[in-house]
Amino acid sequence: MTQNKEDVLVHSVYPDPDDLEALRNHFLELRERCKPGMDTHEEMFAEPMGDEI
C-alpha cells in the first residue's frame, strides 16, 4: 500500500468485539487502575427542571 502525505492511519485502541480474550484483558487492565476508595460515578435523580418539564 502506498501512502500519500494526506493519508492518516487510525488504529483502534479497543480490542475487536469478537476477541473475547483481548476484551477480558482490556477489562482487567482498566479494573487495575481503580483504587479502593476511589470516587465512582453515581446516578443523581432529581425533579425535572428547565427544558425537561
PDB file of N, CA and C in Angstrom:
ATOM      1  N   MET A   1       0.847  -1.187   0.000  1.00  0.00           N
ATOM      2  CA  MET A   1       0.000   0.000   0.000  1.00  0.00           C
ATOM      3  C   MET A   1       0.885   1.239   0.000  1.00  0.00           C
ATOM      4  N   THR A   2       0.671   2.108  -0.933  1.00  0.00           N
ATOM      5  CA  THR A   2       1.411   3.366  -0.964  1.00  0.00           C
ATOM      6  C   THR A   2       0.633   4.412  -0.185  1.00  0.00           C
ATOM      7  N   GLN A   3       1.365   5.282   0.463  1.00  0.00           N
ATOM      8  CA  GLN A   3       0.727   6.319   1.262  1.00  0.00           C
ATOM      9  C   GLN A   3       1.088   7.688   0.717  1.00  0.00           C
ATOM     10  N   ASN A   4       0.106   8.560   0.731  1.00  0.00           N
ATOM     11  CA  ASN A   4       0.324   9.962   0.374  1.00  0.00           C
ATOM     12  C   ASN A   4       0.564  10.744   1.654  1.00  0.00           C
ATOM     13  N   LYS A   5       1.034  11.959   1.519  1.00  0.00           N
ATOM     14  CA  LYS A   5       1.230  12.817   2.688  1.00  0.00           C
ATOM     15  C   LYS A   5      -0.089  13.090   3.396  1.00  0.00           C
ATOM     16  N   GLU A   6      -1.193  13.044   2.664  1.00  0.00           N
ATOM     17  CA  GLU A   6      -2.505  13.349   3.238  1.00  0.00           C
ATOM     18  C   GLU A   6      -3.131  12.152   3.939  1.00  0.00           C
ATOM     19  N   ASP A   7      -2.585  10.946   3.778  1.00  0.00           N
ATOM     20  CA  ASP A   7      -3.164   9.752   4.390  1.00  0.00           C
ATOM     21  C   ASP A   7      -2.972   9.771   5.900  1.00  0.00           C
ATOM     22  N   VAL A   8      -4.004   9.344   6.585  1.00  0.00           N
ATOM     23  CA  VAL A   8      -3.947   9.236   8.034  1.00  0.00           C
ATOM     24  C   VAL A   8      -4.346   7.813   8.400  1.00  0.00           C
ATOM     25  N   LEU A   9      -3.497   7.125   9.134  1.00  0.00           N
ATOM     26  CA  LEU A   9      -3.812   5.785   9.595  1.00  0.00           C
ATOM     27  C   LEU A   9      -4.317   5.865  11.025  1.00  0.00           C
ATOM     28  N   VAL A  10      -5.460   5.259  11.267  1.00  0.00           N
ATOM     29  CA  VAL A  10      -6.061   5.276  12.594  1.00  0.00           C
ATOM     30  C   VAL A  10      -6.153   3.843  13.093  1.00  0.00           C
ATOM     31  N   HIS A  11      -5.585   3.604  14.250  1.00  0.00           N
ATOM     32  CA  HIS A  11      -5.630   2.283  14.858  1.00  0.00           C
ATOM     33  C   HIS A  11      -6.556   2.330  16.062  1.00  0.00           C
ATOM     34  N   SER A  12      -7.372   1.323  16.202  1.00  0.00           N
ATOM     35  CA  SER A  12      -8.289   1.250  17.332  1.00  0.00           C
ATOM     36  C   SER A  12      -7.509   0.991  18.616  1.00  0.00           C
ATOM     37  N   VAL A  13      -7.922   1.635  19.697  1.00  0.00           N
ATOM     38  CA  VAL A  13      -7.290   1.394  20.991  1.00  0.00           C
ATOM     39  C   VAL A  13      -8.048   0.314  21.756  1.00  0.00           C
ATOM     40  N   TYR A  14      -9.189  -0.100  21.217  1.00  0.00           N
ATOM     41  CA  TYR A  14     -10.007  -1.116  21.853  1.00  0.00           C
ATOM     42  C   TYR A  14      -9.876  -2.435  21.101  1.00  0.00           C
ATOM     43  N   PRO A  15     -10.004  -3.544  21.810  1.00  0.00           N
ATOM     44  CA  PRO A  15      -9.928  -4.845  21.140  1.00  0.00           C
ATOM     45  C   PRO A  15     -11.129  -5.062  20.218  1.00  0.00           C
ATOM     46  N   ASP A  16     -10.966  -5.950  19.289  1.00  0.00           N
ATOM     47  CA  ASP A  16     -12.056  -6.338  18.399  1.00  0.00           C
ATOM     48  C   ASP A  16     -13.184  -6.948  19.241  1.00  0.00           C
ATOM     49  N   PRO A  17     -14.435  -6.600  18.982  1.00  0.00           N
ATOM     50  CA  PRO A  17     -15.551  -7.112  19.797  1.00  0.00           C
ATOM     51  C   PRO A  17     -15.659  -8.637  19.815  1.00  0.00           C
ATOM     52  N   ASP A  18     -15.133  -9.300  18.811  1.00  0.00           N
ATOM     53  CA  ASP A  18     -15.214 -10.761  18.765  1.00  0.00           C
ATOM     54  C   ASP A  18     -14.043 -11.445  19.461  1.00  0.00           C
ATOM     55  N   ASP A  19     -13.055 -10.682  19.874  1.00  0.00           N
ATOM     56  CA  ASP A  19     -11.875 -11.246  20.538  1.00  0.00           C
ATOM     57  C   ASP A  19     -12.104 -11.219  22.051  1.00  0.00           C
ATOM     58  N   LEU A  20     -12.747 -12.275  22.560  1.00  0.00           N
ATOM     59  CA  LEU A  20     -13.139 -12.296  23.971  1.00  0.00           C
ATOM     60  C   LEU A  20     -11.944 -12.256  24.919  1.00  0.00           C
ATOM     61  N   GLU A  21     -10.866 -12.915  24.568  1.00  0.00           N
ATOM     62  CA  GLU A  21      -9.683 -12.902  25.434  1.00  0.00           C
ATOM     63  C   GLU A  21      -9.086 -11.493  25.521  1.00  0.00           C
ATOM     64  N   ALA A  22      -9.010 -10.798  24.390  1.00  0.00           N
ATOM     65  CA  ALA A  22      -8.481  -9.425  24.394  1.00  0.00           C
ATOM     66  C   ALA A  22      -9.408  -8.490  25.164  1.00  0.00           C
ATOM     67  N   LEU A  23     -10.724  -8.692  25.026  1.00  0.00           N
ATOM     68  CA  LEU A  23     -11.678  -7.865  25.774  1.00  0.00           C
ATOM     69  C   LEU A  23     -11.530  -8.105  27.278  1.00  0.00           C
ATOM     70  N   ARG A  24     -11.355  -9.361  27.653  1.00  0.00           N
ATOM     71  CA  ARG A  24     -11.173  -9.688  29.066  1.00  0.00           C
ATOM     72  C   ARG A  24      -9.905  -9.028  29.605  1.00  0.00           C
ATOM     73  N   ASN A  25      -8.822  -9.111  28.868  1.00  0.00           N
ATOM     74  CA  ASN A  25      -7.565  -8.483  29.297  1.00  0.00           C
ATOM     75  C   ASN A  25      -7.717  -6.970  29.387  1.00  0.00           C
ATOM     76  N   HIS A  26      -8.423  -6.374  28.448  1.00  0.00           N
ATOM     77  CA  HIS A  26      -8.658  -4.924  28.462  1.00  0.00           C
ATOM     78  C   HIS A  26      -9.445  -4.547  29.720  1.00  0.00           C
ATOM     79  N   PHE A  27     -10.495  -5.315  30.026  1.00  0.00           N
ATOM     80  CA  PHE A  27     -11.288  -5.061  31.223  1.00  0.00           C
ATOM     81  C   PHE A  27     -10.430  -5.158  32.483  1.00  0.00           C
ATOM     82  N   LEU A  28      -9.607  -6.197  32.559  1.00  0.00           N
ATOM     83  CA  LEU A  28      -8.763  -6.373  33.746  1.00  0.00           C
ATOM     84  C   LEU A  28      -7.748  -5.242  33.887  1.00  0.00           C
ATOM     85  N   GLU A  29      -7.215  -4.746  32.774  1.00  0.00           N
ATOM     86  CA  GLU A  29      -6.290  -3.611  32.830  1.00  0.00           C
ATOM     87  C   GLU A  29      -6.993  -2.367  33.348  1.00  0.00           C
ATOM     88  N   LEU A  30      -8.226  -2.138  32.884  1.00  0.00           N
ATOM     89  CA  LEU A  30      -8.985  -0.982  33.365  1.00  0.00           C
ATOM     90  C   LEU A  30      -9.311  -1.131  34.847  1.00  0.00           C
ATOM     91  N   ARG A  31      -9.658  -2.337  35.254  1.00  0.00           N
ATOM     92  CA  ARG A  31     -10.001  -2.587  36.643  1.00  0.00           C
ATOM     93  C   ARG A  31      -8.810  -2.368  37.562  1.00  0.00           C
ATOM     94  N   GLU A  32      -7.602  -2.673  37.097  1.00  0.00           N
ATOM     95  CA  GLU A  32      -6.405  -2.460  37.908  1.00  0.00           C
ATOM     96  C   GLU A  32      -6.165  -0.982  38.192  1.00  0.00           C
ATOM     97  N   ARG A  33      -6.660  -0.114  37.322  1.00  0.00           N
ATOM     98  CA  ARG A  33      -6.464   1.327  37.520  1.00  0.00           C
ATOM     99  C   ARG A  33      -7.353   1.881  38.623  1.00  0.00           C
ATOM    100  N   CYS A  34      -8.430   1.162  38.960  1.00  0.00           N
ATOM    101  CA  CYS A  34      -9.331   1.601  40.024  1.00  0.00           C
ATOM    102  C   CYS A  34      -8.694   1.291  41.365  1.00  0.00           C
ATOM    103  N   LYS A  35      -8.768   2.225  42.253  1.00  0.00           N
ATOM    104  CA  LYS A  35      -8.172   2.057  43.571  1.00  0.00           C
ATOM    105  C   LYS A  35      -9.281   1.998  44.619  1.00  0.00           C
ATOM    106  N   PRO A  36      -9.081   1.258  45.699  1.00  0.00           N
ATOM    107  CA  PRO A  36     -10.089   1.237  46.765  1.00  0.00           C
ATOM    108  C   PRO A  36     -10.352   2.644  47.278  1.00  0.00           C
ATOM    109  N   GLY A  37     -11.607   2.957  47.499  1.00  0.00           N
ATOM    110  CA  GLY A  37     -11.972   4.280  47.992  1.00  0.00           C
ATOM    111  C   GLY A  37     -12.043   5.332  46.910  1.00  0.00           C
ATOM    112  N   MET A  38     -11.795   4.949  45.675  1.00  0.00           N
ATOM    113  CA  MET A  38     -11.835   5.894  44.564  1.00  0.00           C
ATOM    114  C   MET A  38     -13.280   6.338  44.313  1.00  0.00           C
ATOM    115  N   ASP A  39     -13.493   7.619  44.095  1.00  0.00           N
ATOM    116  CA  ASP A  39     -14.835   8.109  43.794  1.00  0.00           C
ATOM    117  C   ASP A  39     -15.284   7.531  42.465  1.00  0.00           C
ATOM    118  N   THR A  40     -16.496   7.006  42.458  1.00  0.00           N
ATOM    119  CA  THR A  40     -17.044   6.448  41.232  1.00  0.00           C
ATOM    120  C   THR A  40     -18.261   7.249  40.812  1.00  0.00           C
ATOM    121  N   HIS A  41     -18.713   6.988  39.650  1.00  0.00           N
ATOM    122  CA  HIS A  41     -19.888   7.681  39.123  1.00  0.00           C
ATOM    123  C   HIS A  41     -21.136   7.207  39.859  1.00  0.00           C
ATOM    124  N   GLU A  42     -21.951   8.133  40.292  1.00  0.00           N
ATOM    125  CA  GLU A  42     -23.219   7.791  40.916  1.00  0.00           C
ATOM    126  C   GLU A  42     -24.323   8.533  40.193  1.00  0.00           C
ATOM    127  N   GLU A  43     -25.411   7.824  39.944  1.00  0.00           N
ATOM    128  CA  GLU A  43     -26.556   8.459  39.298  1.00  0.00           C
ATOM    129  C   GLU A  43     -27.210   9.427  40.279  1.00  0.00           C
ATOM    130  N   MET A  44     -27.609  10.572  39.773  1.00  0.00           N
ATOM    131  CA  MET A  44     -28.305  11.553  40.590  1.00  0.00           C
ATOM    132  C   MET A  44     -29.691  11.756  39.992  1.00  0.00           C
ATOM    133  N   PHE A  45     -30.713  11.546  40.806  1.00  0.00           N
ATOM    134  CA  PHE A  45     -32.076  11.719  40.348  1.00  0.00           C
ATOM    135  C   PHE A  45     -32.669  12.932  41.046  1.00  0.00           C
ATOM    136  N   ALA A  46     -33.348  13.765  40.270  1.00  0.00           N
ATOM    137  CA  ALA A  46     -33.970  14.962  40.820  1.00  0.00           C
ATOM    138  C   ALA A  46     -35.237  15.239  40.025  1.00  0.00           C
ATOM    139  N   GLU A  47     -35.993  16.176  40.506  1.00  0.00           N
ATOM    140  CA  GLU A  47     -37.208  16.581  39.798  1.00  0.00           C
ATOM    141  C   GLU A  47     -36.826  17.224  38.470  1.00  0.00           C
ATOM    142  N   PRO A  48     -37.658  17.037  37.431  1.00  0.00           N
ATOM    143  CA  PRO A  48     -37.372  17.670  36.149  1.00  0.00           C
ATOM    144  C   PRO A  48     -37.297  19.186  36.286  1.00  0.00           C
ATOM    145  N   MET A  49     -36.416  19.806  35.515  1.00  0.00           N
ATOM    146  CA  MET A  49     -36.286  21.261  35.548  1.00  0.00           C
ATOM    147  C   MET A  49     -35.931  21.761  34.166  1.00  0.00           C
ATOM    148  N   GLY A  50     -36.150  23.010  33.908  1.00  0.00           N
ATOM    149  CA  GLY A  50     -35.804  23.609  32.622  1.00  0.00           C
ATOM    150  C   GLY A  50     -36.556  22.960  31.474  1.00  0.00           C
ATOM    151  N   ASP A  51     -35.858  22.594  30.409  1.00  0.00           N
ATOM    152  CA  ASP A  51     -36.492  22.036  29.216  1.00  0.00           C
ATOM    153  C   ASP A  51     -36.974  20.597  29.423  1.00  0.00           C
ATOM    154  N   GLU A  52     -36.652  19.995  30.562  1.00  0.00           N
ATOM    155  CA  GLU A  52     -37.095  18.621  30.817  1.00  0.00           C
ATOM    156  C   GLU A  52     -38.572  18.552  31.169  1.00  0.00           C
ATOM    157  N   ILE A  53     -39.151  19.686  31.612  1.00  0.00           N
ATOM    158  CA  ILE A  53     -40.556  19.698  32.055  1.00  0.00           C
ATOM    159  C   ILE A  53     -41.469  19.479  30.879  1.00  0.00           C
TER     160      ILE A  53
END
